[in-house]
């Protein structure tokens, strides 16, 4: 199995480097067709951040993540956390990282979420009683 850095994912997705793009795309294609590729959840988080900075829409970012999740030759670190975060990101307005934090907390038995981001609390229906959470 091969572990991949975020920059390889970015080159493959953005297709913005004449030398690195074909190499990155070929690696992903080979791995999608049998050879195993490991993508860390942190690499996906970095990828989402880069795509956001490059002004990609939420739907384009979700499509890129879902393509990776659906590829049979790709193993995703913290797959359940990433899947839950993508599902929330598709519907919500918060950053992907916020959804990853909440999904990982839930996966580890956390039933409350402390944040100063009131919009996130309202969106996720966590603010049930004033003062319950930060």
Protein backbone atom coordinates (compact mmCIF):
# COMPACT_ATOMS: atom_id res chain seq x y z
CA UNK A 1 0.00 0.00 0.00
CA UNK A 2 1.14 3.54 -0.79
CA UNK A 3 0.41 6.55 1.41
CA UNK A 4 -0.17 9.80 -0.44
CA UNK A 5 0.56 13.41 0.48
CA UNK A 6 -1.96 16.21 0.03
CA UNK A 7 0.08 17.81 -2.74
CA UNK A 8 -0.39 14.70 -4.91
CA UNK A 9 -4.16 14.88 -4.42
CA UNK A 10 -4.17 18.58 -5.22
CA UNK A 11 -2.07 18.18 -8.39
CA UNK A 12 -4.38 15.39 -9.59
CA UNK A 13 -7.54 17.39 -8.87
CA UNK A 14 -6.45 20.86 -10.00
CA UNK A 15 -4.51 19.63 -13.05
CA UNK A 16 -2.43 22.80 -12.79
CA UNK A 17 1.14 21.54 -13.21
CA UNK A 18 2.27 20.11 -16.56
CA UNK A 19 4.87 17.81 -14.97
CA UNK A 20 3.26 16.76 -11.69
CA UNK A 21 -0.39 16.49 -12.77
CA UNK A 22 0.00 13.48 -15.12
CA UNK A 23 2.11 11.64 -12.54
CA UNK A 24 -0.42 12.30 -9.76
CA UNK A 25 -3.38 11.34 -11.96
CA UNK A 26 -1.66 8.15 -13.11
CA UNK A 27 -0.96 7.15 -9.49
CA UNK A 28 -4.60 7.69 -8.50
CA UNK A 29 -5.85 5.78 -11.56
CA UNK A 30 -3.52 2.83 -10.88
CA UNK A 31 -4.59 2.71 -7.26
CA UNK A 32 -8.28 3.02 -8.08
CA UNK A 33 -7.91 -0.05 -10.29
CA UNK A 34 -6.40 -2.46 -7.82
CA UNK A 35 -3.20 -1.16 -6.22
CA UNK A 36 -4.03 0.16 -2.77
CA UNK A 37 -3.59 3.81 -1.85
CA UNK A 38 -3.94 5.18 1.69
CA UNK A 39 -5.21 8.73 2.18
CA UNK A 40 -5.00 10.15 5.68
CA UNK A 41 -7.97 12.06 7.03
CA UNK A 42 -5.53 14.92 7.60
CA UNK A 43 -4.59 14.94 3.92
CA UNK A 44 -8.29 15.23 3.07
CA UNK A 45 -8.70 18.08 5.53
CA UNK A 46 -5.75 19.90 3.92
CA UNK A 47 -7.16 19.17 0.46
CA UNK A 48 -10.51 20.72 1.37
CA UNK A 49 -8.75 23.79 2.75
CA UNK A 50 -6.75 24.24 -0.48
CA UNK A 51 -9.85 23.80 -2.65
CA UNK A 52 -11.72 26.34 -0.51
CA UNK A 53 -8.86 28.84 -0.88
CA UNK A 54 -8.95 28.21 -4.65
CA UNK A 55 -12.67 29.17 -4.55
CA UNK A 56 -14.14 25.77 -5.33
CA UNK A 57 -17.81 25.44 -4.37
CA UNK A 58 -19.04 23.19 -1.59
CA UNK A 59 -20.61 20.86 -4.15
CA UNK A 60 -17.33 20.60 -6.11
CA UNK A 61 -15.42 19.86 -2.91
CA UNK A 62 -17.98 17.25 -1.86
CA UNK A 63 -17.82 15.62 -5.28
CA UNK A 64 -14.02 15.37 -5.03
CA UNK A 65 -14.26 13.81 -1.56
CA UNK A 66 -17.01 11.39 -2.58
CA UNK A 67 -14.99 10.30 -5.63
CA UNK A 68 -12.13 9.36 -3.33
CA UNK A 69 -14.42 7.67 -0.79
CA UNK A 70 -16.11 5.64 -3.54
CA UNK A 71 -12.91 4.44 -5.17
CA UNK A 72 -12.34 0.73 -4.39
CA UNK A 73 -8.53 0.95 -4.43
CA UNK A 74 -8.37 3.81 -1.95
CA UNK A 75 -8.26 3.34 1.83
CA UNK A 76 -9.33 6.40 3.80
CA UNK A 77 -8.04 7.06 7.32
CA UNK A 78 -10.87 7.53 9.82
CA UNK A 79 -13.31 6.61 7.02
CA UNK A 80 -16.43 6.75 9.23
CA UNK A 81 -15.45 10.19 10.55
CA UNK A 82 -14.77 11.49 7.03
CA UNK A 83 -18.04 10.05 5.70
CA UNK A 84 -20.04 11.68 8.51
CA UNK A 85 -18.20 14.98 8.02
CA UNK A 86 -18.88 14.95 4.26
CA UNK A 87 -22.58 14.25 4.87
CA UNK A 88 -22.77 17.21 7.25
CA UNK A 89 -20.67 19.46 4.99
CA UNK A 90 -23.00 18.80 2.04
CA UNK A 91 -26.02 20.01 4.03
CA UNK A 92 -24.45 22.63 6.27
CA UNK A 93 -22.64 25.93 6.20
CA UNK A 94 -19.74 25.33 8.58
CA UNK A 95 -16.19 24.45 7.57
CA UNK A 96 -15.31 20.85 6.81
CA UNK A 97 -12.85 20.87 9.72
CA UNK A 98 -15.68 21.71 12.15
CA UNK A 99 -17.67 18.74 10.92
CA UNK A 100 -14.60 16.50 11.23
CA UNK A 101 -14.10 17.62 14.83
CA UNK A 102 -17.74 16.90 15.70
CA UNK A 103 -17.78 13.56 13.86
CA UNK A 104 -14.60 12.39 15.58
CA UNK A 105 -15.98 13.48 18.94
CA UNK A 106 -19.20 11.56 18.31
CA UNK A 107 -17.21 8.50 17.25
CA UNK A 108 -15.39 8.69 20.58
CA UNK A 109 -18.51 8.96 22.72
CA UNK A 110 -18.86 12.75 22.99
CA UNK A 111 -22.47 13.88 23.16
CA UNK A 112 -21.84 17.59 23.68
CA UNK A 113 -19.79 20.05 21.68
CA UNK A 114 -18.14 23.15 23.16
CA UNK A 115 -17.57 26.05 20.79
CA UNK A 116 -17.78 29.82 20.69
CA UNK A 117 -19.21 29.59 17.15
CA UNK A 118 -22.90 30.29 17.85
CA UNK A 119 -23.87 29.85 14.19
CA UNK A 120 -22.44 26.33 14.28
CA UNK A 121 -24.37 25.52 17.45
CA UNK A 122 -27.63 26.70 15.90
CA UNK A 123 -26.96 24.87 12.63
CA UNK A 124 -26.26 21.60 14.38
CA UNK A 125 -29.14 22.03 16.85
CA UNK A 126 -26.76 21.61 19.76
CA UNK A 127 -27.86 24.76 21.61
CA UNK A 128 -30.82 23.27 23.46
CA UNK A 129 -30.51 25.34 26.61
CA UNK A 130 -28.71 28.63 27.10
CA UNK A 131 -25.37 28.02 28.75
CA UNK A 132 -25.37 24.30 27.88
CA UNK A 133 -22.40 24.82 25.67
CA UNK A 134 -19.96 27.72 25.34
